[in-house]
């Protein structure tokens, strides 16, 4: 019983320190993400405008293709009758 009482008394402290650790990890991950985005943006802006345009144009066609594949997959689900037009 003494062990259980000691464990319950340490519970809130453990929870608070655990939340602090999770918060610091979340802050570190957020800082790493911001640094990665900043580096990628600097790299992209360092490219010539024709290369930037080519990358963006290919991205548009790629994601449009993915969009169409997903629409076709949704339409092929048995019992799905809502879709009218695929584009």
N, C-alpha and C. Protein backbone atom coordinates (compact mmCIF):
# COMPACT_ATOMS: atom_id res chain seq x y z
N UNK A 1 0.81 -1.20 0.00
CA UNK A 1 0.00 0.00 0.00
C UNK A 1 0.86 1.26 0.00
N UNK A 2 1.97 1.22 0.71
CA UNK A 2 2.84 2.39 0.73
C UNK A 2 3.38 2.67 -0.67
N UNK A 3 3.72 1.61 -1.38
CA UNK A 3 4.24 1.79 -2.74
C UNK A 3 3.18 2.42 -3.64
N UNK A 4 1.95 1.97 -3.50
CA UNK A 4 0.87 2.52 -4.31
C UNK A 4 0.62 3.98 -3.96
N UNK A 5 0.70 4.34 -2.69
CA UNK A 5 0.49 5.73 -2.29
C UNK A 5 1.62 6.61 -2.82
N UNK A 6 2.86 6.12 -2.73
CA UNK A 6 4.00 6.88 -3.24
C UNK A 6 3.88 7.05 -4.76
N UNK A 7 3.42 6.03 -5.42
CA UNK A 7 3.27 6.10 -6.87
C UNK A 7 2.20 7.12 -7.26
N UNK A 8 1.11 7.16 -6.53
CA UNK A 8 0.05 8.12 -6.81
C UNK A 8 0.53 9.54 -6.53
N UNK A 9 1.30 9.72 -5.47
CA UNK A 9 1.80 11.05 -5.14
C UNK A 9 2.79 11.55 -6.20
N UNK A 10 3.55 10.66 -6.81
CA UNK A 10 4.50 11.06 -7.83
C UNK A 10 3.83 11.20 -9.20
N UNK A 11 2.61 10.72 -9.34
CA UNK A 11 1.92 10.75 -10.62
C UNK A 11 1.80 12.13 -11.24
N UNK A 12 1.28 13.11 -10.51
CA UNK A 12 1.14 14.45 -11.11
C UNK A 12 2.49 15.07 -11.49
N UNK A 13 3.52 14.83 -10.66
CA UNK A 13 4.84 15.36 -10.98
C UNK A 13 5.38 14.71 -12.25
N UNK A 14 5.20 13.40 -12.35
CA UNK A 14 5.65 12.69 -13.55
C UNK A 14 4.91 13.18 -14.77
N UNK A 15 3.61 13.39 -14.62
CA UNK A 15 2.79 13.87 -15.74
C UNK A 15 3.25 15.25 -16.17
N UNK A 16 3.54 16.12 -15.21
CA UNK A 16 3.98 17.46 -15.53
C UNK A 16 5.34 17.44 -16.23
N UNK A 17 6.27 16.64 -15.75
CA UNK A 17 7.58 16.57 -16.41
C UNK A 17 7.45 15.92 -17.78
N UNK A 18 6.55 14.96 -17.92
CA UNK A 18 6.32 14.35 -19.22
C UNK A 18 5.77 15.36 -20.21
N UNK A 19 4.85 16.21 -19.76
CA UNK A 19 4.30 17.25 -20.63
C UNK A 19 5.38 18.25 -21.03
N UNK A 20 6.29 18.57 -20.10
CA UNK A 20 7.39 19.49 -20.43
C UNK A 20 8.29 18.88 -21.50
N UNK A 21 8.60 17.61 -21.37
CA UNK A 21 9.44 16.93 -22.36
C UNK A 21 8.73 16.92 -23.71
N UNK A 22 7.44 16.58 -23.72
CA UNK A 22 6.69 16.56 -24.98
C UNK A 22 6.66 17.94 -25.61
N UNK A 23 6.50 18.98 -24.80
CA UNK A 23 6.45 20.34 -25.31
C UNK A 23 7.80 20.73 -25.91
N UNK A 24 8.90 20.38 -25.24
CA UNK A 24 10.22 20.74 -25.77
C UNK A 24 10.52 19.96 -27.05
N UNK A 25 10.06 18.71 -27.12
CA UNK A 25 10.24 17.93 -28.35
C UNK A 25 9.42 18.55 -29.48
N UNK A 26 8.20 18.97 -29.19
CA UNK A 26 7.36 19.60 -30.21
C UNK A 26 7.99 20.90 -30.69
N UNK A 27 8.59 21.67 -29.78
CA UNK A 27 9.25 22.92 -30.17
C UNK A 27 10.46 22.61 -31.04
N UNK A 28 11.24 21.57 -30.69
CA UNK A 28 12.40 21.20 -31.50
C UNK A 28 11.98 20.75 -32.89
N UNK A 29 10.92 19.96 -32.99
CA UNK A 29 10.45 19.50 -34.30
C UNK A 29 9.95 20.68 -35.11
N UNK A 30 9.26 21.61 -34.48
CA UNK A 30 8.77 22.80 -35.18
C UNK A 30 9.94 23.63 -35.69
N UNK A 31 10.98 23.80 -34.88
CA UNK A 31 12.16 24.56 -35.31
C UNK A 31 12.86 23.87 -36.47
N UNK A 32 12.97 22.55 -36.42
CA UNK A 32 13.60 21.80 -37.52
C UNK A 32 12.79 21.95 -38.79
N UNK A 33 11.46 21.90 -38.68
CA UNK A 33 10.60 22.04 -39.85
C UNK A 33 10.76 23.42 -40.47
N UNK A 34 10.77 24.45 -39.62
CA UNK A 34 10.94 25.81 -40.13
C UNK A 34 12.30 25.98 -40.81
N UNK A 35 13.34 25.39 -40.25
CA UNK A 35 14.68 25.47 -40.85
C UNK A 35 14.69 24.77 -42.20
N UNK A 36 14.06 23.61 -42.29
CA UNK A 36 14.03 22.87 -43.55
C UNK A 36 13.26 23.65 -44.61
N UNK A 37 12.13 24.25 -44.24
CA UNK A 37 11.35 25.04 -45.19
C UNK A 37 12.15 26.25 -45.65
N UNK A 38 12.86 26.89 -44.73
CA UNK A 38 13.67 28.06 -45.08
C UNK A 38 14.77 27.68 -46.06
N UNK A 39 15.45 26.57 -45.82
CA UNK A 39 16.52 26.12 -46.73
C UNK A 39 15.97 25.76 -48.11
N UNK A 40 14.84 25.07 -48.13
CA UNK A 40 14.22 24.69 -49.41
C UNK A 40 13.78 25.93 -50.18
N UNK A 41 13.23 26.91 -49.48
CA UNK A 41 12.81 28.14 -50.14
C UNK A 41 14.00 28.89 -50.72
N UNK A 42 15.09 28.96 -49.95
CA UNK A 42 16.29 29.63 -50.46
C UNK A 42 16.84 28.91 -51.68
N UNK A 43 16.85 27.58 -51.64
CA UNK A 43 17.35 26.81 -52.78
C UNK A 43 16.48 27.05 -54.01
N UNK A 44 15.16 27.00 -53.84
CA UNK A 44 14.24 27.18 -54.96
C UNK A 44 14.37 28.58 -55.55
N UNK A 45 14.48 29.59 -54.70
CA UNK A 45 14.61 30.96 -55.19
C UNK A 45 15.95 31.22 -55.85
N UNK A 46 16.94 30.37 -55.56
CA UNK A 46 18.25 30.50 -56.20
C UNK A 46 18.29 29.93 -57.61
N UNK A 47 17.27 29.17 -57.99
CA UNK A 47 17.21 28.61 -59.34
C UNK A 47 16.77 29.67 -60.33
N UNK A 48 17.07 29.44 -61.61
CA UNK A 48 16.63 30.38 -62.63
C UNK A 48 15.11 30.33 -62.76
N UNK A 49 14.53 31.39 -63.32
CA UNK A 49 13.08 31.46 -63.41
C UNK A 49 12.52 30.38 -64.34
N UNK A 50 13.27 29.99 -65.37
CA UNK A 50 12.76 28.93 -66.26
C UNK A 50 12.74 27.58 -65.55
N UNK A 51 13.71 27.32 -64.70
CA UNK A 51 13.72 26.06 -63.94
C UNK A 51 12.59 26.08 -62.90
N UNK A 52 12.38 27.21 -62.25
CA UNK A 52 11.28 27.33 -61.30
C UNK A 52 9.94 27.07 -61.99
N UNK A 53 9.76 27.67 -63.16
CA UNK A 53 8.51 27.48 -63.90
C UNK A 53 8.32 26.01 -64.28
N UNK A 54 9.40 25.36 -64.73
CA UNK A 54 9.32 23.95 -65.14
C UNK A 54 8.94 23.06 -63.96
N UNK A 55 9.54 23.32 -62.80
CA UNK A 55 9.23 22.52 -61.61
C UNK A 55 7.76 22.71 -61.22
N UNK A 56 7.29 23.95 -61.23
CA UNK A 56 5.90 24.22 -60.85
C UNK A 56 4.92 23.64 -61.86
N UNK A 57 5.24 23.74 -63.15
CA UNK A 57 4.35 23.18 -64.18
C UNK A 57 4.27 21.66 -64.05
N UNK A 58 5.41 21.01 -63.83
CA UNK A 58 5.39 19.55 -63.64
C UNK A 58 4.60 19.18 -62.39
N UNK A 59 4.71 19.99 -61.34
CA UNK A 59 3.94 19.74 -60.13
C UNK A 59 2.44 19.83 -60.36
N UNK A 60 2.02 20.79 -61.16
CA UNK A 60 0.60 20.93 -61.47
C UNK A 60 0.09 19.69 -62.18
N UNK A 61 0.82 19.23 -63.21
CA UNK A 61 0.38 18.05 -63.94
C UNK A 61 0.43 16.79 -63.08
N UNK A 62 1.46 16.68 -62.23
CA UNK A 62 1.57 15.51 -61.36
C UNK A 62 0.38 15.44 -60.40
N UNK A 63 0.09 16.53 -59.71
CA UNK A 63 -1.00 16.51 -58.73
C UNK A 63 -2.36 16.42 -59.39
N UNK A 64 -2.51 16.93 -60.61
CA UNK A 64 -3.76 16.76 -61.35
C UNK A 64 -3.97 15.28 -61.67
N UNK A 65 -2.88 14.58 -62.05
CA UNK A 65 -2.96 13.14 -62.32
C UNK A 65 -3.33 12.35 -61.07
N UNK A 66 -2.71 12.72 -59.95
CA UNK A 66 -3.04 12.05 -58.68
C UNK A 66 -4.50 12.30 -58.33
N UNK A 67 -4.97 13.51 -58.56
CA UNK A 67 -6.37 13.86 -58.30
C UNK A 67 -7.29 12.97 -59.13
N UNK A 68 -6.98 12.80 -60.41
CA UNK A 68 -7.82 11.96 -61.28
C UNK A 68 -7.80 10.50 -60.84
N UNK A 69 -6.63 9.99 -60.47
CA UNK A 69 -6.54 8.61 -59.99
C UNK A 69 -7.40 8.40 -58.74
N UNK A 70 -7.34 9.36 -57.83
CA UNK A 70 -8.15 9.23 -56.62
C UNK A 70 -9.64 9.31 -56.92
N UNK A 71 -10.02 10.17 -57.86
CA UNK A 71 -11.43 10.23 -58.23
C UNK A 71 -11.89 8.91 -58.83
N UNK A 72 -11.09 8.34 -59.71
CA UNK A 72 -11.45 7.05 -60.31
C UNK A 72 -11.55 5.96 -59.26
N UNK A 73 -10.64 5.98 -58.29
CA UNK A 73 -10.68 4.98 -57.22
C UNK A 73 -11.95 5.13 -56.38
N UNK A 74 -12.35 6.38 -56.12
CA UNK A 74 -13.57 6.61 -55.34
C UNK A 74 -14.79 6.14 -56.13
N UNK A 75 -14.82 6.42 -57.43
CA UNK A 75 -15.96 6.03 -58.24
C UNK A 75 -16.09 4.52 -58.38
N UNK A 76 -14.97 3.80 -58.21
CA UNK A 76 -15.02 2.34 -58.37
C UNK A 76 -15.45 1.63 -57.08
N UNK A 77 -15.67 2.35 -56.01
CA UNK A 77 -16.13 1.73 -54.75
C UNK A 77 -17.56 1.26 -54.95
N UNK A 78 -17.83 0.00 -54.64
CA UNK A 78 -19.20 -0.52 -54.81
C UNK A 78 -20.18 0.27 -53.94
N UNK A 79 -21.30 0.66 -54.55
CA UNK A 79 -22.34 1.37 -53.83
C UNK A 79 -22.15 2.88 -53.83
N UNK A 80 -21.05 3.39 -54.36
CA UNK A 80 -20.84 4.83 -54.40
C UNK A 80 -21.53 5.34 -55.66
N UNK A 81 -22.55 6.19 -55.49
CA UNK A 81 -23.33 6.66 -56.65
C UNK A 81 -23.44 8.18 -56.69
N UNK A 82 -22.63 8.88 -55.91
CA UNK A 82 -22.79 10.33 -55.79
C UNK A 82 -22.14 11.09 -56.94
N UNK A 83 -20.97 10.65 -57.43
CA UNK A 83 -20.22 11.40 -58.42
C UNK A 83 -20.95 11.55 -59.74
N UNK A 84 -20.83 12.71 -60.36
CA UNK A 84 -21.49 12.98 -61.62
C UNK A 84 -20.47 13.13 -62.74
N UNK A 85 -19.40 13.90 -62.49
CA UNK A 85 -18.44 14.21 -63.55
C UNK A 85 -17.03 14.06 -63.01
N UNK A 86 -16.19 13.40 -63.78
CA UNK A 86 -14.78 13.30 -63.42
C UNK A 86 -14.00 14.26 -64.32
N UNK A 87 -13.00 14.89 -63.75
CA UNK A 87 -12.27 15.88 -64.54
C UNK A 87 -10.84 15.74 -64.48
